[in-house]
Amino acid sequence: MEKLRWRKSSWSSTSISCVEIGCSSQSIGIRDTKNRSGGMLQVDRSAFAAFVASVKADRLR
């Protein structure tokens, strides 16, 4: 498995719970910043791109 490169939004502060996104060439990992060793949700890049597009278009209500 390829190692993920993790990052957190610059909009996140250190005092609240946030998620981090880890990118590889094949997939995206999503984990809780307050429990990084607690596992992650891993999805393929196209599924994550569709999710982000839905969020941006406000289609998740």
PDB file of N, CA and C in Angstrom:
ATOM      1  N   MET A   1       0.843  -1.182   0.000  1.00  0.00           N
ATOM      2  CA  MET A   1       0.000   0.000   0.000  1.00  0.00           C
ATOM      3  C   MET A   1       0.889   1.247   0.000  1.00  0.00           C
ATOM      4  N   GLU A   2       0.558   2.183  -0.832  1.00  0.00           N
ATOM      5  CA  GLU A   2       1.286   3.439  -0.929  1.00  0.00           C
ATOM      6  C   GLU A   2       1.018   4.310   0.305  1.00  0.00           C
ATOM      7  N   LYS A   3       2.062   4.959   0.802  1.00  0.00           N
ATOM      8  CA  LYS A   3       1.924   5.827   1.980  1.00  0.00           C
ATOM      9  C   LYS A   3       1.112   7.074   1.624  1.00  0.00           C
ATOM     10  N   LEU A   4       0.184   7.440   2.509  1.00  0.00           N
ATOM     11  CA  LEU A   4      -0.651   8.618   2.300  1.00  0.00           C
ATOM     12  C   LEU A   4       0.064   9.867   2.798  1.00  0.00           C
ATOM     13  N   ARG A   5      -0.129  10.977   2.106  1.00  0.00           N
ATOM     14  CA  ARG A   5       0.388  12.282   2.517  1.00  0.00           C
ATOM     15  C   ARG A   5      -0.767  13.045   3.152  1.00  0.00           C
ATOM     16  N   TRP A   6      -0.753  13.204   4.467  1.00  0.00           N
ATOM     17  CA  TRP A   6      -1.865  13.777   5.216  1.00  0.00           C
ATOM     18  C   TRP A   6      -1.792  15.292   5.250  1.00  0.00           C
ATOM     19  N   ARG A   7      -2.982  15.925   5.208  1.00  0.00           N
ATOM     20  CA  ARG A   7      -3.067  17.379   5.372  1.00  0.00           C
ATOM     21  C   ARG A   7      -4.406  17.744   5.990  1.00  0.00           C
ATOM     22  N   LYS A   8      -4.405  18.889   6.654  1.00  0.00           N
ATOM     23  CA  LYS A   8      -5.602  19.409   7.309  1.00  0.00           C
ATOM     24  C   LYS A   8      -5.878  20.786   6.725  1.00  0.00           C
ATOM     25  N   SER A   9      -7.116  21.149   6.615  1.00  0.00           N
ATOM     26  CA  SER A   9      -7.499  22.445   6.070  1.00  0.00           C
ATOM     27  C   SER A   9      -6.874  23.583   6.865  1.00  0.00           C
ATOM     28  N   SER A  10      -6.445  24.618   6.171  1.00  0.00           N
ATOM     29  CA  SER A  10      -5.921  25.810   6.847  1.00  0.00           C
ATOM     30  C   SER A  10      -7.029  26.543   7.595  1.00  0.00           C
ATOM     31  N   TRP A  11      -8.278  26.238   7.299  1.00  0.00           N
ATOM     32  CA  TRP A  11      -9.425  26.836   7.998  1.00  0.00           C
ATOM     33  C   TRP A  11      -9.655  26.189   9.360  1.00  0.00           C
ATOM     34  N   SER A  12      -9.013  25.071   9.609  1.00  0.00           N
ATOM     35  CA  SER A  12      -9.177  24.362  10.878  1.00  0.00           C
ATOM     36  C   SER A  12      -8.364  25.047  11.968  1.00  0.00           C
ATOM     37  N   SER A  13      -8.915  25.060  13.169  1.00  0.00           N
ATOM     38  CA  SER A  13      -8.145  25.565  14.307  1.00  0.00           C
ATOM     39  C   SER A  13      -7.658  24.377  15.120  1.00  0.00           C
ATOM     40  N   THR A  14      -6.811  24.627  16.084  1.00  0.00           N
ATOM     41  CA  THR A  14      -6.280  23.532  16.899  1.00  0.00           C
ATOM     42  C   THR A  14      -7.209  23.156  18.041  1.00  0.00           C
ATOM     43  N   SER A  15      -8.235  23.965  18.304  1.00  0.00           N
ATOM     44  CA  SER A  15      -9.085  23.707  19.465  1.00  0.00           C
ATOM     45  C   SER A  15     -10.353  22.917  19.155  1.00  0.00           C
ATOM     46  N   ILE A  16     -10.621  22.617  17.895  1.00  0.00           N
ATOM     47  CA  ILE A  16     -11.827  21.867  17.546  1.00  0.00           C
ATOM     48  C   ILE A  16     -11.461  20.595  16.804  1.00  0.00           C
ATOM     49  N   SER A  17     -12.356  19.646  16.797  1.00  0.00           N
ATOM     50  CA  SER A  17     -12.118  18.400  16.069  1.00  0.00           C
ATOM     51  C   SER A  17     -12.217  18.645  14.574  1.00  0.00           C
ATOM     52  N   CYS A  18     -11.299  18.077  13.864  1.00  0.00           N
ATOM     53  CA  CYS A  18     -11.246  18.234  12.412  1.00  0.00           C
ATOM     54  C   CYS A  18     -10.957  16.876  11.781  1.00  0.00           C
ATOM     55  N   VAL A  19     -11.034  16.839  10.491  1.00  0.00           N
ATOM     56  CA  VAL A  19     -10.613  15.657   9.760  1.00  0.00           C
ATOM     57  C   VAL A  19      -9.406  16.019   8.914  1.00  0.00           C
ATOM     58  N   GLU A  20      -8.596  15.017   8.637  1.00  0.00           N
ATOM     59  CA  GLU A  20      -7.461  15.168   7.741  1.00  0.00           C
ATOM     60  C   GLU A  20      -7.725  14.320   6.509  1.00  0.00           C
ATOM     61  N   ILE A  21      -7.179  14.760   5.417  1.00  0.00           N
ATOM     62  CA  ILE A  21      -7.275  14.042   4.157  1.00  0.00           C
ATOM     63  C   ILE A  21      -5.877  13.547   3.806  1.00  0.00           C
ATOM     64  N   GLY A  22      -5.771  12.281   3.503  1.00  0.00           N
ATOM     65  CA  GLY A  22      -4.507  11.695   3.073  1.00  0.00           C
ATOM     66  C   GLY A  22      -4.626  11.260   1.630  1.00  0.00           C
ATOM     67  N   CYS A  23      -3.702  11.724   0.798  1.00  0.00           N
ATOM     68  CA  CYS A  23      -3.779  11.456  -0.643  1.00  0.00           C
ATOM     69  C   CYS A  23      -2.683  10.492  -1.083  1.00  0.00           C
ATOM     70  N   SER A  24      -3.047   9.580  -1.945  1.00  0.00           N
ATOM     71  CA  SER A  24      -2.092   8.744  -2.667  1.00  0.00           C
ATOM     72  C   SER A  24      -2.503   8.774  -4.133  1.00  0.00           C
ATOM     73  N   SER A  25      -1.775   8.098  -4.964  1.00  0.00           N
ATOM     74  CA  SER A  25      -2.117   8.109  -6.390  1.00  0.00           C
ATOM     75  C   SER A  25      -3.417   7.368  -6.682  1.00  0.00           C
ATOM     76  N   GLN A  26      -3.824   6.444  -5.808  1.00  0.00           N
ATOM     77  CA  GLN A  26      -5.008   5.627  -6.043  1.00  0.00           C
ATOM     78  C   GLN A  26      -6.205   5.956  -5.166  1.00  0.00           C
ATOM     79  N   SER A  27      -5.964   6.500  -3.962  1.00  0.00           N
ATOM     80  CA  SER A  27      -7.070   6.645  -3.019  1.00  0.00           C
ATOM     81  C   SER A  27      -6.919   7.876  -2.134  1.00  0.00           C
ATOM     82  N   ILE A  28      -7.980   8.126  -1.375  1.00  0.00           N
ATOM     83  CA  ILE A  28      -8.032   9.209  -0.398  1.00  0.00           C
ATOM     84  C   ILE A  28      -8.372   8.584   0.954  1.00  0.00           C
ATOM     85  N   GLY A  29      -7.621   8.950   1.971  1.00  0.00           N
ATOM     86  CA  GLY A  29      -7.914   8.522   3.331  1.00  0.00           C
ATOM     87  C   GLY A  29      -8.501   9.691   4.107  1.00  0.00           C
ATOM     88  N   ILE A  30      -9.423   9.402   5.003  1.00  0.00           N
ATOM     89  CA  ILE A  30     -10.062  10.429   5.828  1.00  0.00           C
ATOM     90  C   ILE A  30      -9.972   9.942   7.272  1.00  0.00           C
ATOM     91  N   ARG A  31      -9.416  10.793   8.165  1.00  0.00           N
ATOM     92  CA  ARG A  31      -9.285  10.392   9.567  1.00  0.00           C
ATOM     93  C   ARG A  31      -9.533  11.580  10.493  1.00  0.00           C
ATOM     94  N   ASP A  32      -9.814  11.264  11.738  1.00  0.00           N
ATOM     95  CA  ASP A  32     -10.063  12.248  12.788  1.00  0.00           C
ATOM     96  C   ASP A  32      -8.730  12.749  13.335  1.00  0.00           C
ATOM     97  N   THR A  33      -8.541  14.070  13.393  1.00  0.00           N
ATOM     98  CA  THR A  33      -7.283  14.617  13.902  1.00  0.00           C
ATOM     99  C   THR A  33      -7.097  14.368  15.392  1.00  0.00           C
ATOM    100  N   LYS A  34      -8.171  14.158  16.109  1.00  0.00           N
ATOM    101  CA  LYS A  34      -8.068  13.918  17.551  1.00  0.00           C
ATOM    102  C   LYS A  34      -7.787  12.450  17.875  1.00  0.00           C
ATOM    103  N   ASN A  35      -7.871  11.563  16.871  1.00  0.00           N
ATOM    104  CA  ASN A  35      -7.621  10.137  17.080  1.00  0.00           C
ATOM    105  C   ASN A  35      -6.990   9.554  15.818  1.00  0.00           C
ATOM    106  N   ARG A  36      -5.805  10.022  15.493  1.00  0.00           N
ATOM    107  CA  ARG A  36      -5.151   9.617  14.244  1.00  0.00           C
ATOM    108  C   ARG A  36      -4.868   8.120  14.167  1.00  0.00           C
ATOM    109  N   SER A  37      -4.668   7.486  15.297  1.00  0.00           N
ATOM    110  CA  SER A  37      -4.382   6.047  15.291  1.00  0.00           C
ATOM    111  C   SER A  37      -5.657   5.207  15.318  1.00  0.00           C
ATOM    112  N   GLY A  38      -6.808   5.844  15.321  1.00  0.00           N
ATOM    113  CA  GLY A  38      -8.082   5.144  15.422  1.00  0.00           C
ATOM    114  C   GLY A  38      -8.632   4.622  14.116  1.00  0.00           C
ATOM    115  N   GLY A  39      -7.848   4.626  13.075  1.00  0.00           N
ATOM    116  CA  GLY A  39      -8.300   4.127  11.787  1.00  0.00           C
ATOM    117  C   GLY A  39      -8.700   5.248  10.849  1.00  0.00           C
ATOM    118  N   MET A  40      -9.075   4.858   9.654  1.00  0.00           N
ATOM    119  CA  MET A  40      -9.452   5.838   8.640  1.00  0.00           C
ATOM    120  C   MET A  40     -10.474   5.238   7.692  1.00  0.00           C
ATOM    121  N   LEU A  41     -11.156   6.107   7.012  1.00  0.00           N
ATOM    122  CA  LEU A  41     -12.049   5.731   5.926  1.00  0.00           C
ATOM    123  C   LEU A  41     -11.246   5.923   4.651  1.00  0.00           C
ATOM    124  N   GLN A  42     -11.173   4.907   3.802  1.00  0.00           N
ATOM    125  CA  GLN A  42     -10.411   5.016   2.566  1.00  0.00           C
ATOM    126  C   GLN A  42     -11.350   4.828   1.380  1.00  0.00           C
ATOM    127  N   VAL A  43     -11.315   5.776   0.450  1.00  0.00           N
ATOM    128  CA  VAL A  43     -12.171   5.747  -0.738  1.00  0.00           C
ATOM    129  C   VAL A  43     -11.317   6.000  -1.973  1.00  0.00           C
ATOM    130  N   ASP A  44     -11.817   5.580  -3.132  1.00  0.00           N
ATOM    131  CA  ASP A  44     -11.040   5.869  -4.336  1.00  0.00           C
ATOM    132  C   ASP A  44     -11.189   7.346  -4.710  1.00  0.00           C
ATOM    133  N   ARG A  45     -10.251   7.822  -5.496  1.00  0.00           N
ATOM    134  CA  ARG A  45     -10.177   9.255  -5.810  1.00  0.00           C
ATOM    135  C   ARG A  45     -11.422   9.752  -6.540  1.00  0.00           C
ATOM    136  N   SER A  46     -12.001   8.951  -7.414  1.00  0.00           N
ATOM    137  CA  SER A  46     -13.189   9.401  -8.151  1.00  0.00           C
ATOM    138  C   SER A  46     -14.397   9.537  -7.224  1.00  0.00           C
ATOM    139  N   ALA A  47     -14.538   8.642  -6.256  1.00  0.00           N
ATOM    140  CA  ALA A  47     -15.641   8.748  -5.291  1.00  0.00           C
ATOM    141  C   ALA A  47     -15.479   9.997  -4.430  1.00  0.00           C
ATOM    142  N   PHE A  48     -14.255  10.295  -4.017  1.00  0.00           N
ATOM    143  CA  PHE A  48     -14.023  11.485  -3.208  1.00  0.00           C
ATOM    144  C   PHE A  48     -14.279  12.750  -4.028  1.00  0.00           C
ATOM    145  N   ALA A  49     -13.870  12.756  -5.284  1.00  0.00           N
ATOM    146  CA  ALA A  49     -14.120  13.911  -6.154  1.00  0.00           C
ATOM    147  C   ALA A  49     -15.617  14.145  -6.326  1.00  0.00           C
ATOM    148  N   ALA A  50     -16.394  13.077  -6.461  1.00  0.00           N
ATOM    149  CA  ALA A  50     -17.849  13.210  -6.582  1.00  0.00           C
ATOM    150  C   ALA A  50     -18.448  13.757  -5.289  1.00  0.00           C
ATOM    151  N   PHE A  51     -17.945  13.310  -4.142  1.00  0.00           N
ATOM    152  CA  PHE A  51     -18.409  13.823  -2.850  1.00  0.00           C
ATOM    153  C   PHE A  51     -18.118  15.318  -2.720  1.00  0.00           C
ATOM    154  N   VAL A  52     -16.908  15.729  -3.037  1.00  0.00           N
ATOM    155  CA  VAL A  52     -16.537  17.149  -2.952  1.00  0.00           C
ATOM    156  C   VAL A  52     -17.393  17.985  -3.897  1.00  0.00           C
ATOM    157  N   ALA A  53     -17.638  17.497  -5.102  1.00  0.00           N
ATOM    158  CA  ALA A  53     -18.492  18.223  -6.051  1.00  0.00           C
ATOM    159  C   ALA A  53     -19.904  18.380  -5.497  1.00  0.00           C
ATOM    160  N   SER A  54     -20.423  17.353  -4.852  1.00  0.00           N
ATOM    161  CA  SER A  54     -21.761  17.434  -4.248  1.00  0.00           C
ATOM    162  C   SER A  54     -21.804  18.448  -3.111  1.00  0.00           C
ATOM    163  N   VAL A  55     -20.760  18.487  -2.302  1.00  0.00           N
ATOM    164  CA  VAL A  55     -20.689  19.477  -1.215  1.00  0.00           C
ATOM    165  C   VAL A  55     -20.658  20.884  -1.796  1.00  0.00           C
ATOM    166  N   LYS A  56     -19.809  21.101  -2.791  1.00  0.00           N
ATOM    167  CA  LYS A  56     -19.692  22.430  -3.399  1.00  0.00           C
ATOM    168  C   LYS A  56     -20.993  22.879  -4.051  1.00  0.00           C
ATOM    169  N   ALA A  57     -21.750  21.939  -4.602  1.00  0.00           N
ATOM    170  CA  ALA A  57     -23.018  22.263  -5.263  1.00  0.00           C
ATOM    171  C   ALA A  57     -24.187  22.295  -4.283  1.00  0.00           C
ATOM    172  N   ASP A  58     -23.918  22.064  -2.996  1.00  0.00           N
ATOM    173  CA  ASP A  58     -24.941  22.084  -1.946  1.00  0.00           C
ATOM    174  C   ASP A  58     -26.047  21.060  -2.210  1.00  0.00           C
ATOM    175  N   ARG A  59     -25.652  19.850  -2.649  1.00  0.00           N
ATOM    176  CA  ARG A  59     -26.620  18.798  -2.973  1.00  0.00           C
ATOM    177  C   ARG A  59     -26.794  17.771  -1.858  1.00  0.00           C
ATOM    178  N   LEU A  60     -26.262  18.015  -0.676  1.00  0.00           N
ATOM    179  CA  LEU A  60     -26.304  17.004   0.384  1.00  0.00           C
ATOM    180  C   LEU A  60     -27.298  17.330   1.485  1.00  0.00           C
ATOM    181  N   ARG A  61     -28.304  18.068   1.187  1.00  0.00           N
ATOM    182  CA  ARG A  61     -29.310  18.414   2.198  1.00  0.00           C
ATOM    183  C   ARG A  61     -30.380  17.379   2.271  1.00  0.00           C
TER     184      ARG A  61
END
